[in-house]
């Protein structure tokens, strides 16, 4: 087996591992948004139960 026959799959696997680490490896707790829309409705994340920054609960009310 030639070196480049081993290098190509190794680079593909390393790229996939790096991509997975970038998405999931550097943070604790649940992953990012799952797209349920609950935070838009009431401003609270369904995964964490905390107020979502940047989304206001009283969006429809005018002051």
N, C-alpha and C. Protein backbone atom coordinates (compact mmCIF):
# COMPACT_ATOMS: atom_id res chain seq x y z
N UNK A 1 0.85 -1.17 0.00
CA UNK A 1 0.00 0.00 0.00
C UNK A 1 0.90 1.24 0.00
N UNK A 2 0.61 2.13 -0.89
CA UNK A 2 1.41 3.34 -1.01
C UNK A 2 1.01 4.36 0.05
N UNK A 3 1.92 5.29 0.33
CA UNK A 3 1.68 6.27 1.40
C UNK A 3 0.48 7.17 1.10
N UNK A 4 0.26 7.50 -0.15
CA UNK A 4 -0.86 8.39 -0.45
C UNK A 4 -2.20 7.67 -0.40
N UNK A 5 -2.18 6.34 -0.49
CA UNK A 5 -3.41 5.58 -0.31
C UNK A 5 -3.85 5.57 1.15
N UNK A 6 -2.93 5.72 2.04
CA UNK A 6 -3.23 5.79 3.47
C UNK A 6 -3.50 7.24 3.87
N UNK A 7 -2.83 8.17 3.23
CA UNK A 7 -2.95 9.58 3.59
C UNK A 7 -4.33 10.14 3.27
N UNK A 8 -4.93 9.78 2.17
CA UNK A 8 -6.23 10.32 1.78
C UNK A 8 -7.32 9.95 2.79
N UNK A 9 -7.50 8.69 3.17
CA UNK A 9 -8.51 8.38 4.20
C UNK A 9 -8.19 9.00 5.56
N UNK A 10 -6.90 9.08 5.88
CA UNK A 10 -6.51 9.69 7.15
C UNK A 10 -6.89 11.17 7.19
N UNK A 11 -6.71 11.87 6.09
CA UNK A 11 -7.10 13.28 6.04
C UNK A 11 -8.61 13.45 6.11
N UNK A 12 -9.34 12.56 5.47
CA UNK A 12 -10.80 12.62 5.53
C UNK A 12 -11.29 12.38 6.95
N UNK A 13 -10.75 11.37 7.63
CA UNK A 13 -11.14 11.09 9.00
C UNK A 13 -10.73 12.22 9.95
N UNK A 14 -9.55 12.78 9.73
CA UNK A 14 -9.11 13.90 10.57
C UNK A 14 -10.01 15.12 10.37
N UNK A 15 -10.42 15.37 9.14
CA UNK A 15 -11.33 16.48 8.87
C UNK A 15 -12.68 16.28 9.52
N UNK A 16 -13.20 15.06 9.46
CA UNK A 16 -14.49 14.77 10.09
C UNK A 16 -14.40 14.89 11.61
N UNK A 17 -13.29 14.42 12.19
CA UNK A 17 -13.10 14.54 13.64
C UNK A 17 -12.98 16.00 14.05
N UNK A 18 -12.27 16.79 13.28
CA UNK A 18 -12.13 18.22 13.58
C UNK A 18 -13.47 18.93 13.49
N UNK A 19 -14.25 18.60 12.47
CA UNK A 19 -15.57 19.20 12.31
C UNK A 19 -16.49 18.85 13.49
N UNK A 20 -16.47 17.61 13.93
CA UNK A 20 -17.24 17.20 15.10
C UNK A 20 -16.78 17.89 16.37
N UNK A 21 -15.49 18.06 16.53
CA UNK A 21 -14.96 18.76 17.70
C UNK A 21 -15.36 20.23 17.68
N UNK A 22 -15.34 20.84 16.51
CA UNK A 22 -15.74 22.25 16.42
C UNK A 22 -17.22 22.41 16.79
N UNK A 23 -18.07 21.47 16.40
CA UNK A 23 -19.49 21.59 16.69
C UNK A 23 -19.84 21.25 18.14
N UNK A 24 -19.26 20.18 18.68
CA UNK A 24 -19.73 19.64 19.94
C UNK A 24 -18.69 19.56 21.05
N UNK A 25 -17.44 19.69 20.74
CA UNK A 25 -16.42 19.40 21.73
C UNK A 25 -16.02 20.53 22.65
N UNK A 26 -16.27 21.78 22.29
CA UNK A 26 -15.75 22.89 23.08
C UNK A 26 -16.77 23.51 24.01
N UNK A 27 -17.95 22.92 24.14
CA UNK A 27 -18.95 23.48 25.02
C UNK A 27 -19.59 22.38 25.84
N UNK A 28 -20.08 22.75 26.99
CA UNK A 28 -20.74 21.77 27.82
C UNK A 28 -22.25 22.00 27.74
N UNK A 29 -22.98 21.00 28.15
CA UNK A 29 -24.43 21.13 28.13
C UNK A 29 -25.00 20.71 26.80
N UNK A 30 -26.26 21.08 26.57
CA UNK A 30 -26.90 20.66 25.33
C UNK A 30 -26.31 21.36 24.12
N UNK A 31 -26.56 20.79 22.98
CA UNK A 31 -26.08 21.40 21.74
C UNK A 31 -26.83 22.68 21.46
N UNK A 32 -26.52 23.30 20.34
CA UNK A 32 -27.16 24.55 19.98
C UNK A 32 -28.64 24.40 19.70
N UNK A 33 -29.18 25.33 19.03
CA UNK A 33 -30.61 25.39 18.76
C UNK A 33 -31.05 24.17 17.96
N UNK A 34 -32.21 23.61 18.36
CA UNK A 34 -32.76 22.48 17.62
C UNK A 34 -33.87 22.92 16.68
N UNK A 35 -34.17 24.22 16.70
CA UNK A 35 -35.14 24.76 15.76
C UNK A 35 -36.59 24.52 16.11
N UNK A 36 -36.89 24.39 17.39
CA UNK A 36 -38.28 24.10 17.78
C UNK A 36 -39.17 25.34 17.73
N UNK A 37 -38.61 26.54 17.90
CA UNK A 37 -39.38 27.77 17.85
C UNK A 37 -39.95 28.22 19.17
N UNK A 38 -39.72 27.47 20.23
CA UNK A 38 -40.25 27.84 21.54
C UNK A 38 -39.62 29.13 22.04
N UNK A 39 -38.34 29.33 21.78
CA UNK A 39 -37.68 30.54 22.27
C UNK A 39 -38.25 31.80 21.59
N UNK A 40 -38.69 31.68 20.38
CA UNK A 40 -39.30 32.81 19.69
C UNK A 40 -40.67 33.10 20.29
N UNK A 41 -41.37 32.06 20.70
CA UNK A 41 -42.71 32.23 21.25
C UNK A 41 -42.70 32.87 22.63
N UNK A 42 -41.83 32.39 23.52
CA UNK A 42 -41.85 32.93 24.87
C UNK A 42 -40.50 33.39 25.41
N UNK A 43 -39.43 33.26 24.64
CA UNK A 43 -38.12 33.78 25.04
C UNK A 43 -37.31 32.86 25.93
N UNK A 44 -37.78 31.63 26.15
CA UNK A 44 -37.09 30.68 27.01
C UNK A 44 -36.71 29.45 26.19
N UNK A 45 -35.46 29.03 26.30
CA UNK A 45 -34.97 27.86 25.56
C UNK A 45 -35.56 26.59 26.16
N UNK A 46 -36.03 25.68 25.30
CA UNK A 46 -36.61 24.43 25.77
C UNK A 46 -35.52 23.47 26.28
N UNK A 47 -34.29 23.61 25.81
CA UNK A 47 -33.21 22.72 26.24
C UNK A 47 -32.62 23.12 27.58
N UNK A 48 -32.40 24.42 27.78
CA UNK A 48 -31.75 24.89 29.00
C UNK A 48 -32.71 25.45 30.01
N UNK A 49 -33.88 25.90 29.58
CA UNK A 49 -34.83 26.51 30.49
C UNK A 49 -34.47 27.93 30.88
N UNK A 50 -33.51 28.53 30.19
CA UNK A 50 -33.05 29.88 30.51
C UNK A 50 -33.52 30.87 29.45
N UNK A 51 -33.55 32.13 29.84
CA UNK A 51 -33.90 33.20 28.91
C UNK A 51 -32.87 33.26 27.78
N UNK A 52 -33.33 33.37 26.56
CA UNK A 52 -32.45 33.41 25.40
C UNK A 52 -32.04 34.87 25.18
N UNK A 53 -30.73 35.14 25.16
CA UNK A 53 -30.30 36.52 24.94
C UNK A 53 -30.66 36.99 23.53
N UNK A 54 -31.15 38.21 23.44
CA UNK A 54 -31.49 38.79 22.15
C UNK A 54 -32.93 38.58 21.75
N UNK A 55 -33.65 37.75 22.50
CA UNK A 55 -35.07 37.53 22.21
C UNK A 55 -35.85 38.06 23.42
N UNK A 56 -36.71 39.01 23.18
CA UNK A 56 -37.44 39.64 24.26
C UNK A 56 -38.81 39.00 24.42
N UNK A 57 -39.18 38.76 25.64
CA UNK A 57 -40.45 38.10 25.92
C UNK A 57 -41.64 38.97 25.55
N UNK A 58 -41.53 40.26 25.77
CA UNK A 58 -42.63 41.17 25.49
C UNK A 58 -42.41 41.91 24.16
N UNK A 59 -42.15 41.15 23.12
CA UNK A 59 -41.84 41.72 21.82
C UNK A 59 -43.02 42.49 21.25
N UNK A 60 -44.24 42.02 21.46
CA UNK A 60 -45.41 42.66 20.87
C UNK A 60 -45.87 43.91 21.61
N UNK A 61 -45.42 44.10 22.84
CA UNK A 61 -45.85 45.25 23.63
C UNK A 61 -45.06 46.49 23.26
N UNK A 62 -45.73 47.59 23.15
CA UNK A 62 -45.06 48.86 22.87
C UNK A 62 -45.01 49.68 24.15
N UNK A 63 -43.88 50.32 24.37
CA UNK A 63 -43.71 51.11 25.58
C UNK A 63 -43.89 52.57 25.32
